[in-house]
Amino acid sequence: MSDNTSVASNTENSVMHSFISNVPVTPKEGQLIEGVVSAIGRARVYVDLPPFGTGLIFGREYMNARDVLRKVSVGDTIAAKVVTPENSDGYIELSLKEARQALIWADAEEAVKRGTVMSLEVKEANKGGLIIEWQGIQGFLPASQLSTDNYPRVSDGDKDKILNALNNLVGKHLSVVMITADQKEHKLIFSEKGLQEKEEKEEKVGKYEVGDVLTGEVTGAVDFGIFVKVEQGLEGLVHISELDWGLVEDTRSLYKVGDKVKVKVIEVKDDKISLSIKQLKENPWSEASRKYKKDQIVDAVVIKYNKYGALASIEEGVAGLVHVSEFENEVALKNALSLGGVYKFKISLFEPNEQRMTLSYKEANTEEKK
């Protein structure tokens, strides 16, 4: 094969690869997709869906969403769900009703996550609780999730009496939060009690201010910090970064459930309180700022490897990064700097106010050889 033939073949392959890679992927069944209404026919709506092609809402899907579609005009942007990626006529069949349902359930999941408070009307009552409606979907509020004021007080537990008490709430609006949203099971669960507990917690948290120093009890230790109870029914998180000025890798080795600790309030927000233990200790970087400076040669102990290199500590709580770029590769770094080993480094960056320091192994050892 001549060079010219080889070049032509490579060019063809490149063009073919470029063409294939630029062919739009067909949307999948069940995918939510957005497009612009391009035409409205008799019991059908066409939607422009670049770069995929044209979508079509017709037949049963048109009838299911006809009330909404009557208000749609050419040029409107609508969201729809793919029913058939490509029918025999080449159209992408769409469902507006299913898209609306998917969007509603996405909103429901967000409401659960955020603890959104909503005022909803009680539609019906049964012996287990109340039926309420949100965005056209029926949900359930179990009697056990009613607030103290609305909980049916029936001394003998008679189910008929409980139902009578619950029936008194039909037609009333209750302030509730959504605690479960399961689209597959088509299940919405609400709670009035959860809102009451949230308000009670907010009231407790409101008594504290940033800067308050408290004594609490450790109730749990997890990878990202410890939980400390500061009063009955109120816990705060001490994030791992707020436990100590030094490197903390295992919270459980420092604190056990039941330990009494002094903590400082560093954030008060809604019904949550954030705490710090290290801010009640002297900041070692303040002392370090008086003892060390940029370009100084220091002894430091290697305390940890990370994806950027190694951390080396010049004093308890004062560590800097030795970047892997000073070595051929990560293996070379670990061969040169073993964990627990003490080596000479040059301080190449020193910002104690920001608690940042970079150390150079190469520069320190090059200068020493001179």
Foldseek 3Di string as FASTA:
>chain_A
DDPVVVVVVVVVVVVVVVVVVPDDDQDDAFDKAKFFFADDDDQKTWTQGPPRGIAMEHDPLSVVCVVVVVPDDGGDMAIWGFHASQDPVGHGYTHRVVRVVVVVLVVLVVQQVVQDKDKWAFAAAALQATWTDDPRAIAGEGLVQEAPVLRQDDPVSDSVSNRVSRRVRHGPIATWGWNDRDVVVSYTYIGNNVVVLLVVLQVVLVVDDAFDKAKWFWAAADQQFTWTDRDVSAIATAGLVQEALADDGGRCVVDDGGDIAIWGFHDRDRSYTYIHRHVVPDQVLVVVVVVDDAFDKAKWAFAAADPQATWTARDGSQIAHAGQVLDPGRVRRCVVHPHGDIAIWGWHDDDSVVSYTHTYRVVRVVVVVD
